[in-house]
Amino acid sequence: MLLGFKTVLGLAAASLMLVVAPAAHAASERPLHVPVGEMSRPPIGWVEFCSERPRECASTVSAPRDVVLTAKAWKDIVRVNKWVNDTIKPMTDLEHWGVVEKWSYPDDGYGDCEDYVLLKRRMLVEAGWPPEALLITVVRDLRGDGHAVLTVKTDMGDFILDNQAEQILLWADTGYRFVKRQSQTDPNMWVSLGDPRPAAATASSR
């Protein structure tokens, strides 16, 4: 039996409400921003990266900035995240450089998690994004391994760019345990995050 246009439209709207309403309620119960704690020690990989590339890490104290998440801004981070994830091939630091931990730009097309993060951050800064909103972050992933992601600070929450995931998620939806990240006021200062349990600062190759 063919249904009238108004009937079909009404059924579609009702179905949409069944999906959207619970999701909106769940989102309202989740914190949009990662809780920030006390100052923390920077990862050794970052310290050595800055020692080798001092101009990359030169900074002055600045005010925290969250990006207004417009449609264009969302397209920017989706585009950069997808391009880097699709272009760079995963390789451990031991395989790549013969050392356990080395942060570097994956200019030869290979890298591990923090190298993906460095490239995404550089591309977004070159596109005009404020560095204060692009924070390198150390987490424990779903396996409990150390892992690096890029936190994008926006007015709609902290979103995560991750080489282990195609989809960009709000931090609370990743299932990760957030350990530490760069301070918004100074990228060379790091702050502890959310979960107070101790965790190693070194990220794995995944």
Foldseek 3Di string as FASTA:
>chain_A
DDDDPVVVVVVVVVVVCVVPVVVVVVLVPDDQEWAWAAWDAADPQVVVVCVVVVVVQDDDFDDADAAADDPVNVVLLLVLLVVLLVQADFDACCRVPVDRGHEDAPPVRYFFQNNSLVSSLVVVVVVPDDSLQWKWFWWQAPVRAIGIWIWGGHPRGTWTRTSVDSDIDRPVPRNIGTAKIAHSRHRNIMTGTDDPDDDDNDHGRD
